[in-house]
Amino acid sequence: MTEAEVNPSMLSVDEKRQKIKSNYETIEVLKGKLIESKNQGRAGMSRASYVKMIVDATKRLERQNEELSKAIIDVRHLQRDISNLYGRLERSFTLVEEHILQVSIDIQ
């Protein structure tokens, strides 16, 4: 690597102009290629390919919907289990509280 490549301020004005011109030319070539590829992409897609894309997207959405439905069912089962366990815990707490009260009354 030359010192001019490491330190851009060492380049002469003409070298800088040449480098800028080269960069602009590269940008213009790339812009042209981009526009050309966009135009080919639009013109190259047939009705069948659009239909195929829509059908594939629909299938993916249906699969996602099925997975979400399964997840919702699992969550409902878990909520039911939690509710049952909470009720059992409350009943156990009530029984223990009554037993402690009965023991304290018997001791007195």
PDB file of N, CA and C in Angstrom:
ATOM      1  N   MET A   1       0.837  -1.173   0.000  1.00  0.00           N
ATOM      2  CA  MET A   1       0.000   0.000   0.000  1.00  0.00           C
ATOM      3  C   MET A   1       0.882   1.237   0.000  1.00  0.00           C
ATOM      4  N   THR A   2       0.504   2.185  -0.797  1.00  0.00           N
ATOM      5  CA  THR A   2       1.281   3.412  -0.843  1.00  0.00           C
ATOM      6  C   THR A   2       0.783   4.359   0.232  1.00  0.00           C
ATOM      7  N   GLU A   3       1.592   5.363   0.477  1.00  0.00           N
ATOM      8  CA  GLU A   3       1.242   6.325   1.510  1.00  0.00           C
ATOM      9  C   GLU A   3      -0.009   7.102   1.107  1.00  0.00           C
ATOM     10  N   ALA A   4      -0.182   7.311  -0.192  1.00  0.00           N
ATOM     11  CA  ALA A   4      -1.356   8.035  -0.686  1.00  0.00           C
ATOM     12  C   ALA A   4      -2.633   7.237  -0.437  1.00  0.00           C
ATOM     13  N   GLU A   5      -2.558   5.892  -0.510  1.00  0.00           N
ATOM     14  CA  GLU A   5      -3.726   5.059  -0.246  1.00  0.00           C
ATOM     15  C   GLU A   5      -4.070   5.060   1.232  1.00  0.00           C
ATOM     16  N   VAL A   6      -3.067   5.129   2.089  1.00  0.00           N
ATOM     17  CA  VAL A   6      -3.286   5.139   3.528  1.00  0.00           C
ATOM     18  C   VAL A   6      -3.800   6.494   3.972  1.00  0.00           C
ATOM     19  N   ASN A   7      -3.234   7.549   3.447  1.00  0.00           N
ATOM     20  CA  ASN A   7      -3.601   8.904   3.832  1.00  0.00           C
ATOM     21  C   ASN A   7      -4.148   9.630   2.608  1.00  0.00           C
ATOM     22  N   PRO A   8      -5.468   9.731   2.453  1.00  0.00           N
ATOM     23  CA  PRO A   8      -6.050  10.342   1.261  1.00  0.00           C
ATOM     24  C   PRO A   8      -5.652  11.793   1.054  1.00  0.00           C
ATOM     25  N   SER A   9      -5.283  12.493   2.085  1.00  0.00           N
ATOM     26  CA  SER A   9      -4.901  13.894   1.919  1.00  0.00           C
ATOM     27  C   SER A   9      -3.593  14.030   1.144  1.00  0.00           C
ATOM     28  N   MET A  10      -2.863  12.948   0.978  1.00  0.00           N
ATOM     29  CA  MET A  10      -1.604  12.983   0.241  1.00  0.00           C
ATOM     30  C   MET A  10      -1.833  12.933  -1.268  1.00  0.00           C
ATOM     31  N   LEU A  11      -3.062  12.619  -1.696  1.00  0.00           N
ATOM     32  CA  LEU A  11      -3.359  12.571  -3.117  1.00  0.00           C
ATOM     33  C   LEU A  11      -3.390  13.982  -3.688  1.00  0.00           C
ATOM     34  N   SER A  12      -2.975  14.097  -4.919  1.00  0.00           N
ATOM     35  CA  SER A  12      -3.049  15.405  -5.565  1.00  0.00           C
ATOM     36  C   SER A  12      -4.491  15.654  -5.981  1.00  0.00           C
ATOM     37  N   VAL A  13      -4.768  16.895  -6.324  1.00  0.00           N
ATOM     38  CA  VAL A  13      -6.115  17.288  -6.709  1.00  0.00           C
ATOM     39  C   VAL A  13      -6.545  16.515  -7.958  1.00  0.00           C
ATOM     40  N   ASP A  14      -5.657  16.363  -8.915  1.00  0.00           N
ATOM     41  CA  ASP A  14      -6.003  15.631 -10.139  1.00  0.00           C
ATOM     42  C   ASP A  14      -6.304  14.165  -9.837  1.00  0.00           C
ATOM     43  N   GLU A  15      -5.527  13.567  -8.946  1.00  0.00           N
ATOM     44  CA  GLU A  15      -5.773  12.173  -8.578  1.00  0.00           C
ATOM     45  C   GLU A  15      -7.123  12.028  -7.875  1.00  0.00           C
ATOM     46  N   LYS A  16      -7.450  13.004  -7.028  1.00  0.00           N
ATOM     47  CA  LYS A  16      -8.739  12.977  -6.338  1.00  0.00           C
ATOM     48  C   LYS A  16      -9.879  13.111  -7.337  1.00  0.00           C
ATOM     49  N   ARG A  17      -9.737  14.017  -8.305  1.00  0.00           N
ATOM     50  CA  ARG A  17     -10.764  14.193  -9.327  1.00  0.00           C
ATOM     51  C   ARG A  17     -10.953  12.905 -10.123  1.00  0.00           C
ATOM     52  N   GLN A  18      -9.857  12.279 -10.467  1.00  0.00           N
ATOM     53  CA  GLN A  18      -9.913  11.029 -11.231  1.00  0.00           C
ATOM     54  C   GLN A  18     -10.608   9.940 -10.412  1.00  0.00           C
ATOM     55  N   LYS A  19     -10.318   9.872  -9.137  1.00  0.00           N
ATOM     56  CA  LYS A  19     -10.919   8.866  -8.263  1.00  0.00           C
ATOM     57  C   LYS A  19     -12.425   9.120  -8.123  1.00  0.00           C
ATOM     58  N   ILE A  20     -12.810  10.393  -7.968  1.00  0.00           N
ATOM     59  CA  ILE A  20     -14.227  10.746  -7.858  1.00  0.00           C
ATOM     60  C   ILE A  20     -14.948  10.404  -9.159  1.00  0.00           C
ATOM     61  N   LYS A  21     -14.351  10.733 -10.302  1.00  0.00           N
ATOM     62  CA  LYS A  21     -14.946  10.436 -11.589  1.00  0.00           C
ATOM     63  C   LYS A  21     -15.137   8.932 -11.762  1.00  0.00           C
ATOM     64  N   SER A  22     -14.136   8.176 -11.356  1.00  0.00           N
ATOM     65  CA  SER A  22     -14.214   6.714 -11.434  1.00  0.00           C
ATOM     66  C   SER A  22     -15.346   6.184 -10.562  1.00  0.00           C
ATOM     67  N   ASN A  23     -15.486   6.749  -9.361  1.00  0.00           N
ATOM     68  CA  ASN A  23     -16.565   6.330  -8.458  1.00  0.00           C
ATOM     69  C   ASN A  23     -17.933   6.645  -9.052  1.00  0.00           C
ATOM     70  N   TYR A  24     -18.084   7.830  -9.655  1.00  0.00           N
ATOM     71  CA  TYR A  24     -19.357   8.198 -10.276  1.00  0.00           C
ATOM     72  C   TYR A  24     -19.690   7.257 -11.432  1.00  0.00           C
ATOM     73  N   GLU A  25     -18.689   6.906 -12.223  1.00  0.00           N
ATOM     74  CA  GLU A  25     -18.912   5.986 -13.343  1.00  0.00           C
ATOM     75  C   GLU A  25     -19.366   4.622 -12.813  1.00  0.00           C
ATOM     76  N   THR A  26     -18.748   4.166 -11.757  1.00  0.00           N
ATOM     77  CA  THR A  26     -19.130   2.888 -11.153  1.00  0.00           C
ATOM     78  C   THR A  26     -20.562   2.948 -10.642  1.00  0.00           C
ATOM     79  N   ILE A  27     -20.916   4.064 -10.010  1.00  0.00           N
ATOM     80  CA  ILE A  27     -22.274   4.239  -9.488  1.00  0.00           C
ATOM     81  C   ILE A  27     -23.282   4.208 -10.631  1.00  0.00           C
ATOM     82  N   GLU A  28     -22.990   4.893 -11.727  1.00  0.00           N
ATOM     83  CA  GLU A  28     -23.906   4.921 -12.871  1.00  0.00           C
ATOM     84  C   GLU A  28     -24.086   3.530 -13.469  1.00  0.00           C
ATOM     85  N   VAL A  29     -23.016   2.773 -13.572  1.00  0.00           N
ATOM     86  CA  VAL A  29     -23.101   1.411 -14.097  1.00  0.00           C
ATOM     87  C   VAL A  29     -23.965   0.554 -13.177  1.00  0.00           C
ATOM     88  N   LEU A  30     -23.755   0.672 -11.883  1.00  0.00           N
ATOM     89  CA  LEU A  30     -24.544  -0.116 -10.928  1.00  0.00           C
ATOM     90  C   LEU A  30     -26.015   0.290 -10.943  1.00  0.00           C
ATOM     91  N   LYS A  31     -26.287   1.599 -11.072  1.00  0.00           N
ATOM     92  CA  LYS A  31     -27.674   2.058 -11.170  1.00  0.00           C
ATOM     93  C   LYS A  31     -28.353   1.436 -12.394  1.00  0.00           C
ATOM     94  N   GLY A  32     -27.639   1.437 -13.509  1.00  0.00           N
ATOM     95  CA  GLY A  32     -28.186   0.854 -14.732  1.00  0.00           C
ATOM     96  C   GLY A  32     -28.494  -0.620 -14.562  1.00  0.00           C
ATOM     97  N   LYS A  33     -27.588  -1.342 -13.937  1.00  0.00           N
ATOM     98  CA  LYS A  33     -27.813  -2.774 -13.703  1.00  0.00           C
ATOM     99  C   LYS A  33     -28.999  -2.999 -12.780  1.00  0.00           C
ATOM    100  N   LEU A  34     -29.136  -2.151 -11.765  1.00  0.00           N
ATOM    101  CA  LEU A  34     -30.246  -2.279 -10.834  1.00  0.00           C
ATOM    102  C   LEU A  34     -31.583  -2.040 -11.534  1.00  0.00           C
ATOM    103  N   ILE A  35     -31.648  -0.992 -12.318  1.00  0.00           N
ATOM    104  CA  ILE A  35     -32.887  -0.690 -13.046  1.00  0.00           C
ATOM    105  C   ILE A  35     -33.211  -1.822 -14.022  1.00  0.00           C
ATOM    106  N   GLU A  36     -32.202  -2.321 -14.700  1.00  0.00           N
ATOM    107  CA  GLU A  36     -32.407  -3.414 -15.652  1.00  0.00           C
ATOM    108  C   GLU A  36     -32.914  -4.673 -14.949  1.00  0.00           C
ATOM    109  N   SER A  37     -32.339  -4.983 -13.794  1.00  0.00           N
ATOM    110  CA  SER A  37     -32.784  -6.188 -13.079  1.00  0.00           C
ATOM    111  C   SER A  37     -34.203  -6.021 -12.540  1.00  0.00           C
ATOM    112  N   LYS A  38     -34.567  -4.812 -12.121  1.00  0.00           N
ATOM    113  CA  LYS A  38     -35.942  -4.564 -11.667  1.00  0.00           C
ATOM    114  C   LYS A  38     -36.921  -4.742 -12.815  1.00  0.00           C
ATOM    115  N   ASN A  39     -36.583  -4.196 -13.970  1.00  0.00           N
ATOM    116  CA  ASN A  39     -37.470  -4.311 -15.130  1.00  0.00           C
ATOM    117  C   ASN A  39     -37.605  -5.757 -15.582  1.00  0.00           C
ATOM    118  N   GLN A  40     -36.530  -6.493 -15.557  1.00  0.00           N
ATOM    119  CA  GLN A  40     -36.587  -7.905 -15.944  1.00  0.00           C
ATOM    120  C   GLN A  40     -37.405  -8.701 -14.936  1.00  0.00           C
ATOM    121  N   GLY A  41     -37.287  -8.337 -13.666  1.00  0.00           N
ATOM    122  CA  GLY A  41     -38.034  -9.041 -12.633  1.00  0.00           C
ATOM    123  C   GLY A  41     -39.516  -8.860 -12.810  1.00  0.00           C
ATOM    124  N   ARG A  42     -39.943  -7.655 -13.140  1.00  0.00           N
ATOM    125  CA  ARG A  42     -41.371  -7.390 -13.324  1.00  0.00           C
ATOM    126  C   ARG A  42     -41.886  -8.045 -14.590  1.00  0.00           C
ATOM    127  N   ALA A  43     -41.138  -7.918 -15.659  1.00  0.00           N
ATOM    128  CA  ALA A  43     -41.584  -8.464 -16.932  1.00  0.00           C
ATOM    129  C   ALA A  43     -41.475  -9.991 -16.934  1.00  0.00           C
ATOM    130  N   GLY A  44     -40.525 -10.531 -16.190  1.00  0.00           N
ATOM    131  CA  GLY A  44     -40.269 -11.968 -16.197  1.00  0.00           C
ATOM    132  C   GLY A  44     -41.273 -12.775 -15.406  1.00  0.00           C
ATOM    133  N   MET A  45     -42.047 -12.134 -14.536  1.00  0.00           N
ATOM    134  CA  MET A  45     -42.984 -12.877 -13.706  1.00  0.00           C
ATOM    135  C   MET A  45     -44.303 -13.052 -14.451  1.00  0.00           C
ATOM    136  N   SER A  46     -44.688 -14.272 -14.600  1.00  0.00           N
ATOM    137  CA  SER A  46     -45.946 -14.550 -15.280  1.00  0.00           C
ATOM    138  C   SER A  46     -47.077 -14.642 -14.273  1.00  0.00           C
ATOM    139  N   ARG A  47     -48.258 -14.776 -14.798  1.00  0.00           N
ATOM    140  CA  ARG A  47     -49.438 -14.903 -13.950  1.00  0.00           C
ATOM    141  C   ARG A  47     -49.334 -16.152 -13.081  1.00  0.00           C
ATOM    142  N   ALA A  48     -48.820 -17.219 -13.667  1.00  0.00           N
ATOM    143  CA  ALA A  48     -48.694 -18.477 -12.930  1.00  0.00           C
ATOM    144  C   ALA A  48     -47.754 -18.333 -11.739  1.00  0.00           C
ATOM    145  N   SER A  49     -46.691 -17.578 -11.916  1.00  0.00           N
ATOM    146  CA  SER A  49     -45.758 -17.405 -10.803  1.00  0.00           C
ATOM    147  C   SER A  49     -46.382 -16.565  -9.685  1.00  0.00           C
ATOM    148  N   TYR A  50     -47.185 -15.556 -10.059  1.00  0.00           N
ATOM    149  CA  TYR A  50     -47.892 -14.780  -9.037  1.00  0.00           C
ATOM    150  C   TYR A  50     -48.890 -15.653  -8.292  1.00  0.00           C
ATOM    151  N   VAL A  51     -49.624 -16.480  -9.033  1.00  0.00           N
ATOM    152  CA  VAL A  51     -50.593 -17.375  -8.406  1.00  0.00           C
ATOM    153  C   VAL A  51     -49.875 -18.340  -7.467  1.00  0.00           C
ATOM    154  N   LYS A  52     -48.743 -18.873  -7.906  1.00  0.00           N
ATOM    155  CA  LYS A  52     -47.964 -19.797  -7.071  1.00  0.00           C
ATOM    156  C   LYS A  52     -47.498 -19.111  -5.795  1.00  0.00           C
ATOM    157  N   MET A  53     -47.046 -17.858  -5.921  1.00  0.00           N
ATOM    158  CA  MET A  53     -46.614 -17.116  -4.735  1.00  0.00           C
ATOM    159  C   MET A  53     -47.776 -16.926  -3.764  1.00  0.00           C
ATOM    160  N   ILE A  54     -48.956 -16.608  -4.289  1.00  0.00           N
ATOM    161  CA  ILE A  54     -50.128 -16.389  -3.437  1.00  0.00           C
ATOM    162  C   ILE A  54     -50.541 -17.687  -2.767  1.00  0.00           C
ATOM    163  N   VAL A  55     -50.537 -18.792  -3.508  1.00  0.00           N
ATOM    164  CA  VAL A  55     -50.903 -20.091  -2.936  1.00  0.00           C
ATOM    165  C   VAL A  55     -49.912 -20.490  -1.843  1.00  0.00           C
ATOM    166  N   ASP A  56     -48.630 -20.275  -2.076  1.00  0.00           N
ATOM    167  CA  ASP A  56     -47.620 -20.596  -1.063  1.00  0.00           C
ATOM    168  C   ASP A  56     -47.816 -19.751   0.193  1.00  0.00           C
ATOM    169  N   ALA A  57     -48.098 -18.468   0.003  1.00  0.00           N
ATOM    170  CA  ALA A  57     -48.324 -17.594   1.156  1.00  0.00           C
ATOM    171  C   ALA A  57     -49.559 -18.039   1.921  1.00  0.00           C
ATOM    172  N   THR A  58     -50.601 -18.444   1.199  1.00  0.00           N
ATOM    173  CA  THR A  58     -51.824 -18.914   1.841  1.00  0.00           C
ATOM    174  C   THR A  58     -51.561 -20.176   2.653  1.00  0.00           C
ATOM    175  N   LYS A  59     -50.791 -21.096   2.089  1.00  0.00           N
ATOM    176  CA  LYS A  59     -50.449 -22.333   2.811  1.00  0.00           C
ATOM    177  C   LYS A  59     -49.673 -22.017   4.091  1.00  0.00           C
ATOM    178  N   ARG A  60     -48.722 -21.091   3.988  1.00  0.00           N
ATOM    179  CA  ARG A  60     -47.942 -20.719   5.177  1.00  0.00           C
ATOM    180  C   ARG A  60     -48.852 -20.115   6.246  1.00  0.00           C
ATOM    181  N   LEU A  61     -49.785 -19.270   5.822  1.00  0.00           N
ATOM    182  CA  LEU A  61     -50.718 -18.659   6.777  1.00  0.00           C
ATOM    183  C   LEU A  61     -51.611 -19.708   7.432  1.00  0.00           C
ATOM    184  N   GLU A  62     -52.066 -20.685   6.664  1.00  0.00           N
ATOM    185  CA  GLU A  62     -52.893 -21.749   7.225  1.00  0.00           C
ATOM    186  C   GLU A  62     -52.115 -22.557   8.267  1.00  0.00           C
ATOM    187  N   ARG A  63     -50.848 -22.863   7.944  1.00  0.00           N
ATOM    188  CA  ARG A  63     -50.005 -23.599   8.907  1.00  0.00           C
ATOM    189  C   ARG A  63     -49.801 -22.788  10.181  1.00  0.00           C
ATOM    190  N   GLN A  64     -49.546 -21.503  10.019  1.00  0.00           N
ATOM    191  CA  GLN A  64     -49.364 -20.650  11.194  1.00  0.00           C
ATOM    192  C   GLN A  64     -50.640 -20.584  12.015  1.00  0.00           C
ATOM    193  N   ASN A  65     -51.785 -20.515  11.333  1.00  0.00           N
ATOM    194  CA  ASN A  65     -53.063 -20.469  12.023  1.00  0.00           C
ATOM    195  C   ASN A  65     -53.283 -21.762  12.814  1.00  0.00           C
ATOM    196  N   GLU A  66     -52.949 -22.905  12.230  1.00  0.00           N
ATOM    197  CA  GLU A  66     -53.074 -24.179  12.929  1.00  0.00           C
ATOM    198  C   GLU A  66     -52.179 -24.217  14.171  1.00  0.00           C
ATOM    199  N   GLU A  67     -50.948 -23.741  14.016  1.00  0.00           N
ATOM    200  CA  GLU A  67     -50.016 -23.731  15.142  1.00  0.00           C
ATOM    201  C   GLU A  67     -50.520 -22.814  16.254  1.00  0.00           C
ATOM    202  N   LEU A  68     -51.067 -21.664  15.875  1.00  0.00           N
ATOM    203  CA  LEU A  68     -51.617 -20.748  16.873  1.00  0.00           C
ATOM    204  C   LEU A  68     -52.817 -21.371  17.585  1.00  0.00           C
ATOM    205  N   SER A  69     -53.653 -22.062  16.838  1.00  0.00           N
ATOM    206  CA  SER A  69     -54.804 -22.725  17.452  1.00  0.00           C
ATOM    207  C   SER A  69     -54.359 -23.772  18.456  1.00  0.00           C
ATOM    208  N   LYS A  70     -53.343 -24.543  18.102  1.00  0.00           N
ATOM    209  CA  LYS A  70     -52.805 -25.544  19.036  1.00  0.00           C
ATOM    210  C   LYS A  70     -52.247 -24.874  20.280  1.00  0.00           C
ATOM    211  N   ALA A  71     -51.537 -23.774  20.092  1.00  0.00           N
ATOM    212  CA  ALA A  71     -50.957 -23.057  21.234  1.00  0.00           C
ATOM    213  C   ALA A  71     -52.059 -22.516  22.137  1.00  0.00           C
ATOM    214  N   ILE A  72     -53.127 -21.999  21.542  1.00  0.00           N
ATOM    215  CA  ILE A  72     -54.238 -21.472  22.342  1.00  0.00           C
ATOM    216  C   ILE A  72     -54.895 -22.585  23.140  1.00  0.00           C
ATOM    217  N   ILE A  73     -55.085 -23.748  22.531  1.00  0.00           N
ATOM    218  CA  ILE A  73     -55.673 -24.890  23.237  1.00  0.00           C
ATOM    219  C   ILE A  73     -54.779 -25.304  24.404  1.00  0.00           C
ATOM    220  N   ASP A  74     -53.465 -25.334  24.171  1.00  0.00           N
ATOM    221  CA  ASP A  74     -52.531 -25.682  25.252  1.00  0.00           C
ATOM    222  C   ASP A  74     -52.611 -24.675  26.391  1.00  0.00           C
ATOM    223  N   VAL A  75     -52.702 -23.396  26.063  1.00  0.00           N
ATOM    224  CA  VAL A  75     -52.790 -22.365  27.097  1.00  0.00           C
ATOM    225  C   VAL A  75     -54.078 -22.520  27.897  1.00  0.00           C
ATOM    226  N   ARG A  76     -55.170 -22.825  27.225  1.00  0.00           N
ATOM    227  CA  ARG A  76     -56.440 -23.029  27.937  1.00  0.00           C
ATOM    228  C   ARG A  76     -56.356 -24.223  28.889  1.00  0.00           C
ATOM    229  N   HIS A  77     -55.707 -25.306  28.434  1.00  0.00           N
ATOM    230  CA  HIS A  77     -55.531 -26.467  29.310  1.00  0.00           C
ATOM    231  C   HIS A  77     -54.689 -26.094  30.530  1.00  0.00           C
ATOM    232  N   LEU A  78     -53.638 -25.340  30.297  1.00  0.00           N
ATOM    233  CA  LEU A  78     -52.790 -24.914  31.411  1.00  0.00           C
ATOM    234  C   LEU A  78     -53.556 -24.012  32.374  1.00  0.00           C
ATOM    235  N   GLN A  79     -54.370 -23.114  31.846  1.00  0.00           N
ATOM    236  CA  GLN A  79     -55.169 -22.244  32.715  1.00  0.00           C
ATOM    237  C   GLN A  79     -56.136 -23.074  33.560  1.00  0.00           C
ATOM    238  N   ARG A  80     -56.739 -24.084  32.948  1.00  0.00           N
ATOM    239  CA  ARG A  80     -57.661 -24.940  33.674  1.00  0.00           C
ATOM    240  C   ARG A  80     -56.925 -25.701  34.780  1.00  0.00           C
ATOM    241  N   ASP A  81     -55.732 -26.225  34.446  1.00  0.00           N
ATOM    242  CA  ASP A  81     -54.939 -26.946  35.452  1.00  0.00           C
ATOM    243  C   ASP A  81     -54.536 -26.028  36.601  1.00  0.00           C
ATOM    244  N   ILE A  82     -54.117 -24.816  36.262  1.00  0.00           N
ATOM    245  CA  ILE A  82     -53.720 -23.847  37.300  1.00  0.00           C
ATOM    246  C   ILE A  82     -54.907 -23.521  38.188  1.00  0.00           C
ATOM    247  N   SER A  83     -56.074 -23.335  37.577  1.00  0.00           N
ATOM    248  CA  SER A  83     -57.274 -23.031  38.344  1.00  0.00           C
ATOM    249  C   SER A  83     -57.618 -24.187  39.290  1.00  0.00           C
ATOM    250  N   ASN A  84     -57.521 -25.418  38.802  1.00  0.00           N
ATOM    251  CA  ASN A  84     -57.797 -26.581  39.648  1.00  0.00           C
ATOM    252  C   ASN A  84     -56.810 -26.665  40.815  1.00  0.00           C
ATOM    253  N   LEU A  85     -55.544 -26.462  40.518  1.00  0.00           N
ATOM    254  CA  LEU A  85     -54.527 -26.519  41.574  1.00  0.00           C
ATOM    255  C   LEU A  85     -54.721 -25.395  42.587  1.00  0.00           C
ATOM    256  N   TYR A  86     -55.088 -24.211  42.108  1.00  0.00           N
ATOM    257  CA  TYR A  86     -55.315 -23.090  43.014  1.00  0.00           C
ATOM    258  C   TYR A  86     -56.495 -23.394  43.940  1.00  0.00           C
ATOM    259  N   GLY A  87     -57.559 -23.982  43.384  1.00  0.00           N
ATOM    260  CA  GLY A  87     -58.707 -24.357  44.211  1.00  0.00           C
ATOM    261  C   GLY A  87     -58.332 -25.396  45.246  1.00  0.00           C
ATOM    262  N   ARG A  88     -57.537 -26.377  44.844  1.00  0.00           N
ATOM    263  CA  ARG A  88     -57.085 -27.407  45.777  1.00  0.00           C
ATOM    264  C   ARG A  88     -56.233 -26.786  46.882  1.00  0.00           C
ATOM    265  N   LEU A  89     -55.366 -25.837  46.513  1.00  0.00           N
ATOM    266  CA  LEU A  89     -54.523 -25.162  47.497  1.00  0.00           C
ATOM    267  C   LEU A  89     -55.370 -24.370  48.487  1.00  0.00           C
ATOM    268  N   GLU A  90     -56.370 -23.667  47.988  1.00  0.00           N
ATOM    269  CA  GLU A  90     -57.254 -22.891  48.863  1.00  0.00           C
ATOM    270  C   GLU A  90     -57.981 -23.808  49.848  1.00  0.00           C
ATOM    271  N   ARG A  91     -58.479 -24.946  49.353  1.00  0.00           N
ATOM    272  CA  ARG A  91     -59.181 -25.884  50.240  1.00  0.00           C
ATOM    273  C   ARG A  91     -58.237 -26.450  51.291  1.00  0.00           C
ATOM    274  N   SER A  92     -57.009 -26.763  50.866  1.00  0.00           N
ATOM    275  CA  SER A  92     -56.019 -27.284  51.820  1.00  0.00           C
ATOM    276  C   SER A  92     -55.688 -26.238  52.873  1.00  0.00           C
ATOM    277  N   PHE A  93     -55.519 -24.984  52.453  1.00  0.00           N
ATOM    278  CA  PHE A  93     -55.213 -23.904  53.384  1.00  0.00           C
ATOM    279  C   PHE A  93     -56.353 -23.735  54.391  1.00  0.00           C
ATOM    280  N   THR A  94     -57.589 -23.821  53.899  1.00  0.00           N
ATOM    281  CA  THR A  94     -58.753 -23.687  54.784  1.00  0.00           C
ATOM    282  C   THR A  94     -58.782 -24.816  55.808  1.00  0.00           C
ATOM    283  N   LEU A  95     -58.507 -26.045  55.371  1.00  0.00           N
ATOM    284  CA  LEU A  95     -58.496 -27.182  56.293  1.00  0.00           C
ATOM    285  C   LEU A  95     -57.404 -27.036  57.347  1.00  0.00           C
ATOM    286  N   VAL A  96     -56.215 -26.603  56.915  1.00  0.00           N
ATOM    287  CA  VAL A  96     -55.106 -26.430  57.856  1.00  0.00           C
ATOM    288  C   VAL A  96     -55.451 -25.329  58.858  1.00  0.00           C
ATOM    289  N   GLU A  97     -56.037 -24.249  58.368  1.00  0.00           N
ATOM    290  CA  GLU A  97     -56.419 -23.144  59.240  1.00  0.00           C
ATOM    291  C   GLU A  97     -57.452 -23.610  60.282  1.00  0.00           C
ATOM    292  N   GLU A  98     -58.431 -24.384  59.837  1.00  0.00           N
ATOM    293  CA  GLU A  98     -59.435 -24.915  60.768  1.00  0.00           C
ATOM    294  C   GLU A  98     -58.798 -25.860  61.783  1.00  0.00           C
ATOM    295  N   HIS A  99     -57.858 -26.691  61.328  1.00  0.00           N
ATOM    296  CA  HIS A  99     -57.190 -27.628  62.234  1.00  0.00           C
ATOM    297  C   HIS A  99     -56.364 -26.879  63.279  1.00  0.00           C
ATOM    298  N   ILE A 100     -55.647 -25.843  62.840  1.00  0.00           N
ATOM    299  CA  ILE A 100     -54.858 -25.041  63.774  1.00  0.00           C
ATOM    300  C   ILE A 100     -55.765 -24.357  64.786  1.00  0.00           C
ATOM    301  N   LEU A 101     -56.879 -23.832  64.353  1.00  0.00           N
ATOM    302  CA  LEU A 101     -57.839 -23.195  65.251  1.00  0.00           C
ATOM    303  C   LEU A 101     -58.393 -24.211  66.255  1.00  0.00           C
ATOM    304  N   GLN A 102     -58.722 -25.408  65.785  1.00  0.00           N
ATOM    305  CA  GLN A 102     -59.265 -26.461  66.660  1.00  0.00           C
ATOM    306  C   GLN A 102     -58.216 -26.873  67.704  1.00  0.00           C
ATOM    307  N   VAL A 103     -56.955 -27.013  67.260  1.00  0.00           N
ATOM    308  CA  VAL A 103     -55.887 -27.400  68.206  1.00  0.00           C
ATOM    309  C   VAL A 103     -55.684 -26.310  69.235  1.00  0.00           C
ATOM    310  N   SER A 104     -55.713 -25.043  68.834  1.00  0.00           N
ATOM    311  CA  SER A 104     -55.512 -23.956  69.774  1.00  0.00           C
ATOM    312  C   SER A 104     -56.664 -23.878  70.775  1.00  0.00           C
ATOM    313  N   ILE A 105     -57.863 -24.193  70.344  1.00  0.00           N
ATOM    314  CA  ILE A 105     -59.009 -24.188  71.260  1.00  0.00           C
ATOM    315  C   ILE A 105     -58.882 -25.350  72.249  1.00  0.00           C
ATOM    316  N   ASP A 106     -58.443 -26.519  71.769  1.00  0.00           N
ATOM    317  CA  ASP A 106     -58.280 -27.697  72.636  1.00  0.00           C
ATOM    318  C   ASP A 106     -57.195 -27.475  73.681  1.00  0.00           C
ATOM    319  N   ILE A 107     -56.136 -26.728  73.321  1.00  0.00           N
ATOM    320  CA  ILE A 107     -55.031 -26.474  74.263  1.00  0.00           C
ATOM    321  C   ILE A 107     -55.499 -25.546  75.365  1.00  0.00           C
ATOM    322  N   GLN A 108     -56.361 -24.628  75.093  1.00  0.00           N
ATOM    323  CA  GLN A 108     -56.801 -23.659  76.079  1.00  0.00           C
ATOM    324  C   GLN A 108     -57.728 -24.335  77.002  1.00  0.00           C
TER     325      GLN A 108
END
